[in-house]
Structures are given as structure tokens and as C-alpha cells.
Amino acid sequence: MPAPRQPEAALSSCMNRATSSPRAADSRPQLGLVCMTTGSEVRFRTITRTHYLSLSHAERQTKLEELYLDNLSRLRAALEFCRARNIRLYRAISGLFPMSDEPLGERVLSGMAKELAAVGRLARRYRIRVVQHPDQFVVLSSVSEHVVRQSIDILRKHALAFDLLGLPRSAWSAIILHGGKAGRARQLFEIIPQLPENVRSRLVLENDEYAYSAREILEICHGTGVPMVFDAHHHVIREKLDSYEHPSVTEMTQAAGRTWPKPDWQIVHLSNGISSIADPRHSELIHTVPSAFAHAPWIEVEAKGKERAIDELRRIWPLVR
């Protein structure tokens, strides 16, 4: 396998192309932190379903109350972390409130409306955009009706938490989902319009490496009226490309941007492979950026190095904030 290119060398050609036309300073992309930090500053707690089910009803309620309040305080700490580093987008962990798709969990979470609203106000005051990316087992296009119902319940729990946080019912507070089971776009066309309004209004679809190409997701987004997150790394793997500078990367970045209700809300995902461009595993730092991403308003950095990857990217790529 060829070794990854060095950051300065890889980004220099990108920056030369991206700076060929002047841009206003306030139009530079904002970088986003995904879920946790490499250090101990941002870490969340969870509980397994097996452990949860082993508890009595009273014990479950007590456990969830303590767990939700603790994770809410950790979310506040994550916002403080982002504010201190001028990170304006934060992807909340999908397991922020475990078991809140269960009736008891939903009641416990709803009973903390005041506490959640306070954290939501903090995000607005700090001008930090909060989004979420449910786990891969959330599959609206599954062949199993049980999986589809369960997936909708999980999406409802995410939307409930966002409602209680006071986050807008729009793609600004995106809940990002992959297409799921391959070859079942028709099911997505049918199911998405039927989703609860607080889910549907926030839903955003993303292309992946294997099941749904960028063009297929774009078609579904056009047909259902939901925005599209374009992931260039998924795209180059799916299409077997050898460069992030392939014309289709620019084409899909721009096409995805037009699906957003406001152009300056567009989110793209940035990651690199560890050993090569075709490696689906995320590298520690970012060593190559598609030049098309210089014109993307929001970039979620999907690198294992988390905040270190953001710091390094800011150091060597002056087009970002």
C-alpha cells in the first residue's frame, strides 16, 4: 500500500486551487468536532441493554435519571470545550441518552426538560451548531418491519432530545442517516414522508461506500425533499477513484449543496484512509482535503485524532476557521 501523503505537501496543491478566486474571510469553512476528544475532556457514559433489563423498574428509573443528568453535564462540558477552541459545530454522541427510545426512558428524559433547555440555551449563546449521526443499525430501508419500526423509535428519541434542548426543527440541527439496505430506495421514498415531523424536518441523508452512491442518495434527497451530506471519502471508495480532485467530487459537493434549504447550512464530511485513499478506516489526522471543500460552509472532521486533527488542519490550511 502506498504511504499517505504528508499534510503540507498534500494540502498545498489543494490550497493553490482553492485560492484561485478571492473569498470573504467570513465565508471560510467551519470545522466540526465529532462526539468525543482524544483526551478525557469529553467522554460520555452508557449502559448496556442487558444490564438495564436486569434491574427492577425502580432501579431502572434511578439509574436513568442519574445517567441522563451526568451525560447532560458532559454535553455542557463539550460545548465549553468547543467554545474555548472556537469550534462552531459539535456532533453529539448517538448514545447521549441510552434507553430513551423505551417508554420509561422517554418519561425520565421529558422530566428533565428544564435542565435540557438550559444546555440548549448555552449552545445558542455560544453559537455552536449541534447535530447527530444515529448508529448504523438505524435502517429505514430494512427488509425487516421490526427493524424499521425500531429505527423510527430511535430517530424519535433523538428528535425528542433535540426538541427538549430547544434546537430548531430544521436541517440546521441535522440528524444524519445513511441509506441503509442497498437497492431499496423505493422504501425510503415511501417511509421518509411518513416520519414524525420533528424527525423529518431534521433528517439529512449521506452517501456511503457500498450501499448507496452519492448520485443515488442525491436522487433520494431530491425526491423526498431532505438535504444531503456529501462524504468525499465514501465517494472515492465507492467509485474506485484515485484522487479527491476527480471532477465528480466537485460536482457532488455542489449538487449536495443545492439540496439544503439555505446554502450556508451545507455540511460535508472529511476523512482520509489510513493506508491509502481506498482504505475505509479513518486516519489519525487529515492529510488530504478535496479542493471543492474550500467552498463548503461546514466540515465535520471524521478523523481519529478528533481535536488534534482540527488543530493541525487549521495550522496547515488557512482557509478554515
Protein backbone atom coordinates (compact mmCIF):
# COMPACT_ATOMS: atom_id res chain seq x y z
CA MET A 1 0.00 0.00 0.00
CA PRO A 2 1.31 3.47 -0.76
CA ALA A 3 2.07 5.62 2.27
CA PRO A 4 -0.26 8.56 2.95
CA ARG A 5 0.94 11.88 1.61
CA GLN A 6 2.39 14.35 4.09
CA PRO A 7 -0.06 17.05 5.19
CA GLU A 8 1.80 20.08 3.90
CA ALA A 9 2.52 18.52 0.51
CA ALA A 10 -0.98 17.17 0.03
CA LEU A 11 -2.73 20.34 1.08
CA SER A 12 -0.52 22.75 -0.82
CA SER A 13 -1.91 21.81 -4.22
CA CYS A 14 -5.44 21.88 -2.80
CA MET A 15 -4.89 25.35 -1.37
CA ASN A 16 -3.47 26.66 -4.62
CA ARG A 17 -6.60 25.60 -6.49
CA ALA A 18 -8.97 26.71 -3.76
CA THR A 19 -7.49 30.20 -3.52
CA SER A 20 -7.64 30.90 -7.25
CA SER A 21 -10.59 33.24 -6.61
CA PRO A 22 -10.95 35.62 -3.64
CA ARG A 23 -13.28 34.73 -0.81
CA ALA A 24 -14.58 36.77 2.08
CA ALA A 25 -12.96 35.93 5.39
CA ASP A 26 -16.33 35.06 6.96
CA SER A 27 -17.10 32.52 4.22
CA ARG A 28 -14.30 30.18 5.23
CA PRO A 29 -15.47 26.68 6.23
CA GLN A 30 -16.19 25.96 9.87
CA LEU A 31 -14.74 22.71 11.22
CA GLY A 32 -16.79 20.40 13.42
CA LEU A 33 -15.82 18.08 16.28
CA VAL A 34 -17.27 14.56 16.23
CA CYS A 35 -18.56 13.24 19.56
CA MET A 36 -15.51 12.89 21.79
CA THR A 37 -12.00 14.16 22.33
CA THR A 38 -8.73 12.26 22.26
CA GLY A 39 -8.18 13.20 25.89
CA SER A 40 -10.53 12.82 28.85
CA GLU A 41 -12.24 16.22 28.44
CA VAL A 42 -15.30 14.95 26.55
CA ARG A 43 -16.42 11.44 27.48
CA PHE A 44 -19.95 10.09 27.94
CA ARG A 45 -21.37 7.22 29.99
CA THR A 46 -23.67 4.47 28.81
CA ILE A 47 -25.47 1.35 29.98
CA THR A 48 -25.92 -1.92 28.13
CA ARG A 49 -29.43 -3.15 27.42
CA THR A 50 -28.59 -6.40 29.22
CA HIS A 51 -27.65 -4.52 32.39
CA TYR A 52 -30.68 -2.26 32.06
CA LEU A 53 -33.08 -5.20 31.75
CA SER A 54 -31.53 -6.90 34.80
CA LEU A 55 -32.66 -4.02 37.02
CA SER A 56 -36.01 -3.62 38.73
CA HIS A 57 -38.35 -0.89 37.47
CA ALA A 58 -37.41 1.43 40.35
CA GLU A 59 -33.72 0.73 39.82
CA ARG A 60 -34.05 1.45 36.10
CA GLN A 61 -35.60 4.83 36.74
CA THR A 62 -32.97 5.80 39.30
CA LYS A 63 -30.19 4.63 37.01
CA LEU A 64 -31.52 6.55 34.00
CA GLU A 65 -32.09 9.73 36.00
CA GLU A 66 -28.50 9.67 37.24
CA LEU A 67 -27.09 8.72 33.84
CA TYR A 68 -29.03 11.35 31.88
CA LEU A 69 -28.09 14.16 34.27
CA ASP A 70 -24.44 13.10 34.15
CA ASN A 71 -24.35 12.95 30.36
CA LEU A 72 -26.15 16.29 30.17
CA SER A 73 -23.39 17.83 32.28
CA ARG A 74 -20.86 16.23 29.95
CA LEU A 75 -22.66 17.73 26.96
CA ARG A 76 -22.33 21.11 28.64
CA ALA A 77 -18.61 20.40 29.08
CA ALA A 78 -18.37 19.53 25.37
CA LEU A 79 -19.91 22.87 24.47
CA GLU A 80 -17.44 24.63 26.76
CA PHE A 81 -14.61 22.69 25.12
CA CYS A 82 -15.76 23.74 21.66
CA ARG A 83 -16.24 27.35 22.66
CA ALA A 84 -12.72 27.57 24.10
CA ARG A 85 -11.32 26.32 20.78
CA ASN A 86 -13.67 28.28 18.51
CA ILE A 87 -15.24 25.07 17.18
CA ARG A 88 -18.69 26.02 15.93
CA LEU A 89 -20.14 22.59 15.13
CA TYR A 90 -20.47 19.68 17.52
CA ARG A 91 -21.82 16.22 16.69
CA ALA A 92 -23.42 14.82 19.83
CA ILE A 93 -22.85 11.15 20.51
CA SER A 94 -25.75 8.93 19.38
CA GLY A 95 -25.90 7.26 22.81
CA LEU A 96 -26.27 10.52 24.69
CA PHE A 97 -29.42 9.32 26.47
CA PRO A 98 -29.40 5.48 26.43
CA MET A 99 -32.77 3.71 26.53
CA SER A 100 -34.70 6.92 25.83
CA ASP A 101 -36.43 5.03 22.99
CA GLU A 102 -38.09 2.99 25.78
CA PRO A 103 -41.27 4.39 27.44
CA LEU A 104 -39.53 4.76 30.83
CA GLY A 105 -36.51 6.45 29.29
CA GLU A 106 -38.73 8.87 27.39
CA ARG A 107 -40.58 9.81 30.59
CA VAL A 108 -37.33 10.30 32.50
CA LEU A 109 -35.88 12.45 29.74
CA SER A 110 -39.06 14.52 29.39
CA GLY A 111 -38.99 15.10 33.15
CA MET A 112 -35.65 16.85 32.70
CA ALA A 113 -36.99 19.41 30.23
CA LYS A 114 -35.77 22.36 32.28
CA GLU A 115 -32.22 21.03 32.52
CA LEU A 116 -32.07 20.20 28.80
CA ALA A 117 -33.43 23.60 27.83
CA ALA A 118 -30.65 25.29 29.82
CA VAL A 119 -27.97 23.38 27.90
CA GLY A 120 -29.69 24.19 24.62
CA ARG A 121 -29.64 27.88 25.50
CA LEU A 122 -25.92 27.56 26.16
CA ALA A 123 -25.37 26.14 22.67
CA ARG A 124 -27.27 29.07 21.16
CA ARG A 125 -25.40 31.60 23.27
CA TYR A 126 -22.07 30.10 22.20
CA ARG A 127 -23.33 29.90 18.60
CA ILE A 128 -22.46 26.21 18.38
CA ARG A 129 -24.39 24.13 15.89
CA VAL A 130 -25.39 20.73 17.34
CA VAL A 131 -26.05 17.75 15.04
CA GLN A 132 -26.26 13.98 15.43
CA HIS A 133 -25.50 10.83 13.43
CA PRO A 134 -27.50 7.78 14.63
CA ASP A 135 -25.78 4.41 14.78
CA GLN A 136 -25.53 2.18 11.72
CA PHE A 137 -28.25 -0.19 12.95
CA VAL A 138 -30.84 2.55 12.30
CA VAL A 139 -32.05 1.33 8.90
CA LEU A 140 -35.25 2.78 7.45
CA SER A 141 -34.85 0.67 4.31
CA SER A 142 -34.52 -2.67 6.10
CA VAL A 143 -36.39 -5.71 4.79
CA SER A 144 -37.50 -6.31 8.39
CA GLU A 145 -40.57 -4.38 9.51
CA HIS A 146 -39.36 -4.78 13.11
CA VAL A 147 -36.04 -3.11 12.29
CA VAL A 148 -37.85 -0.27 10.51
CA ARG A 149 -40.16 0.33 13.50
CA GLN A 150 -37.22 0.15 15.89
CA SER A 151 -35.27 2.58 13.69
CA ILE A 152 -38.14 5.07 13.73
CA ASP A 153 -38.33 4.77 17.53
CA ILE A 154 -34.61 5.55 17.80
CA LEU A 155 -34.97 8.53 15.48
CA ARG A 156 -37.88 9.73 17.61
CA LYS A 157 -35.69 9.61 20.72
CA HIS A 158 -33.03 11.74 19.01
CA ALA A 159 -35.67 14.21 17.86
CA LEU A 160 -37.22 14.34 21.35
CA ALA A 161 -33.84 15.18 22.88
CA PHE A 162 -33.31 17.92 20.28
CA ASP A 163 -36.79 19.30 20.98
CA LEU A 164 -36.11 19.38 24.71
CA LEU A 165 -32.77 21.09 24.09
CA GLY A 166 -34.71 23.73 22.15
CA LEU A 167 -32.87 23.02 18.90
CA PRO A 168 -34.74 24.09 15.74
CA ARG A 169 -36.83 21.64 13.76
CA SER A 170 -34.79 22.11 10.62
CA ALA A 171 -31.69 20.78 8.90
CA TRP A 172 -29.67 23.27 10.94
CA SER A 173 -29.97 20.64 13.72
CA ALA A 174 -29.29 17.77 11.35
CA ILE A 175 -29.93 14.12 12.19
CA ILE A 176 -27.72 12.44 9.59
CA LEU A 177 -28.53 8.96 8.30
CA HIS A 178 -27.15 6.58 5.68
CA GLY A 179 -29.42 4.98 3.09
CA GLY A 180 -29.20 1.57 4.73
CA LYS A 181 -30.14 -1.60 2.87
CA ALA A 182 -28.94 -1.44 -0.74
CA GLY A 183 -31.41 -1.49 -3.59
CA ARG A 184 -34.35 -0.27 -1.51
CA ALA A 185 -34.59 3.38 -2.46
CA ARG A 186 -38.30 2.94 -3.09
CA GLN A 187 -38.80 2.16 0.62
CA LEU A 188 -37.02 5.40 1.55
CA PHE A 189 -39.26 7.37 -0.82
CA GLU A 190 -42.27 5.83 0.94
CA ILE A 191 -41.12 5.98 4.58
CA ILE A 192 -39.42 9.38 4.86
CA PRO A 193 -42.60 11.45 4.20
CA GLN A 194 -44.38 9.44 6.91
CA LEU A 195 -41.79 10.11 9.63
CA PRO A 196 -42.82 12.23 12.64
CA GLU A 197 -42.44 15.92 11.83
CA ASN A 198 -39.72 16.53 14.42
CA VAL A 199 -37.67 13.74 12.76
CA ARG A 200 -38.43 14.51 9.11
CA SER A 201 -37.69 18.22 9.47
CA ARG A 202 -34.17 17.45 10.72
CA LEU A 203 -33.39 14.40 8.58
CA VAL A 204 -30.33 14.54 6.32
CA LEU A 205 -29.06 11.66 4.15
CA GLU A 206 -25.42 10.73 3.49
CA ASN A 207 -23.78 8.59 0.81
CA ASP A 208 -21.70 5.57 1.85
CA GLU A 209 -19.00 3.30 0.44
CA TYR A 210 -21.10 0.31 -0.51
CA ALA A 211 -24.91 0.52 -0.38
CA TYR A 212 -25.80 3.95 -1.79
CA SER A 213 -23.63 6.05 -4.06
CA ALA A 214 -23.60 9.83 -3.91
CA ARG A 215 -25.77 10.02 -7.04
CA GLU A 216 -28.30 7.56 -5.61
CA ILE A 217 -28.55 9.48 -2.34
CA LEU A 218 -28.83 12.74 -4.28
CA GLU A 219 -31.81 11.33 -6.20
CA ILE A 220 -33.48 10.21 -2.96
CA CYS A 221 -32.88 13.64 -1.43
CA HIS A 222 -34.44 15.36 -4.43
CA GLY A 223 -37.43 13.00 -4.27
CA THR A 224 -38.04 13.34 -0.53
CA GLY A 225 -37.02 16.96 0.00
CA VAL A 226 -34.30 16.23 2.56
CA PRO A 227 -30.75 17.66 2.35
CA MET A 228 -27.64 15.64 1.54
CA VAL A 229 -24.31 15.38 3.33
CA PHE A 230 -21.61 14.55 0.81
CA ASP A 231 -18.77 12.37 2.11
CA ALA A 232 -15.89 12.52 -0.38
CA HIS A 233 -14.02 9.59 1.17
CA HIS A 234 -17.04 7.31 0.87
CA HIS A 235 -17.42 8.55 -2.71
CA VAL A 236 -13.88 7.80 -3.88
CA ILE A 237 -14.05 4.31 -2.38
CA ARG A 238 -17.44 3.56 -3.92
CA GLU A 239 -16.42 4.85 -7.37
CA LYS A 240 -12.86 3.43 -7.17
CA LEU A 241 -11.27 6.83 -7.78
CA ASP A 242 -7.60 7.60 -7.21
CA SER A 243 -7.91 11.27 -6.29
CA TYR A 244 -10.12 13.65 -4.34
CA GLU A 245 -9.67 16.01 -7.29
CA HIS A 246 -11.77 13.87 -9.63
CA PRO A 247 -14.38 16.15 -11.28
CA SER A 248 -17.20 14.16 -9.68
CA VAL A 249 -16.07 15.26 -6.21
CA THR A 250 -16.63 18.91 -7.11
CA GLU A 251 -19.84 18.02 -8.95
CA MET A 252 -21.31 16.14 -5.99
CA THR A 253 -20.19 18.74 -3.45
CA GLN A 254 -22.02 21.42 -5.39
CA ALA A 255 -25.06 19.25 -6.14
CA ALA A 256 -25.40 18.29 -2.47
CA GLY A 257 -25.14 21.95 -1.51
CA ARG A 258 -28.20 22.76 -3.60
CA THR A 259 -30.34 20.32 -1.57
CA TRP A 260 -30.03 22.41 1.61
CA PRO A 261 -32.81 24.92 2.39
CA LYS A 262 -30.08 27.53 2.94
CA PRO A 263 -26.75 27.21 1.09
CA ASP A 264 -24.75 28.25 4.14
CA TRP A 265 -26.17 25.30 6.12
CA GLN A 266 -24.45 22.67 3.96
CA ILE A 267 -22.38 20.06 5.81
CA VAL A 268 -19.76 17.80 4.24
CA HIS A 269 -17.78 15.01 5.87
CA LEU A 270 -13.99 14.96 5.71
CA SER A 271 -11.86 11.89 6.35
CA ASN A 272 -8.85 10.08 4.88
CA GLY A 273 -7.90 6.42 4.75
CA ILE A 274 -5.07 5.13 6.91
CA SER A 275 -3.02 3.33 4.27
CA SER A 276 -4.46 4.66 1.01
CA ILE A 277 -7.33 6.60 -0.48
CA ALA A 278 -9.24 3.31 -0.79
CA ASP A 279 -8.85 2.39 2.89
CA PRO A 280 -12.23 2.89 4.65
CA ARG A 281 -10.54 3.17 8.06
CA HIS A 282 -10.21 6.76 9.26
CA SER A 283 -6.70 8.14 9.65
CA GLU A 284 -5.46 9.87 12.80
CA LEU A 285 -5.06 13.26 11.09
CA ILE A 286 -6.19 14.77 7.82
CA HIS A 287 -3.52 14.68 5.12
CA THR A 288 -5.60 15.41 2.00
CA VAL A 289 -8.57 17.75 1.54
CA PRO A 290 -10.66 17.96 -1.66
CA SER A 291 -10.23 21.45 -3.08
CA ALA A 292 -14.02 21.56 -3.55
CA PHE A 293 -14.39 21.57 0.24
CA ALA A 294 -12.87 25.04 0.43
CA HIS A 295 -16.34 26.24 -0.60
CA ALA A 296 -18.29 24.09 1.89
CA PRO A 297 -19.66 26.12 4.82
CA TRP A 298 -19.42 23.34 7.43
CA ILE A 299 -16.95 20.42 7.54
CA GLU A 300 -17.29 17.61 10.07
CA VAL A 301 -13.78 16.24 10.60
CA GLU A 302 -14.07 12.46 10.87
CA ALA A 303 -10.52 11.68 11.96
CA LYS A 304 -9.43 9.56 14.91
CA GLY A 305 -7.32 12.45 16.15
CA LYS A 306 -10.51 14.48 16.84
CA GLU A 307 -9.50 17.94 18.14
CA ARG A 308 -5.83 17.32 17.28
CA ALA A 309 -6.86 16.78 13.66
CA ILE A 310 -8.78 20.06 13.73
CA ASP A 311 -5.83 21.92 15.26
CA GLU A 312 -3.42 20.53 12.67
CA LEU A 313 -5.79 21.25 9.81
CA ARG A 314 -6.14 24.84 10.92
CA ARG A 315 -2.36 25.14 11.11
CA ILE A 316 -1.68 23.97 7.57
CA TRP A 317 -4.90 25.04 5.79
CA PRO A 318 -5.56 28.76 6.34
CA LEU A 319 -8.90 28.64 4.51
CA VAL A 320 -10.69 27.17 7.51
CA ARG A 321 -11.76 28.69 10.81
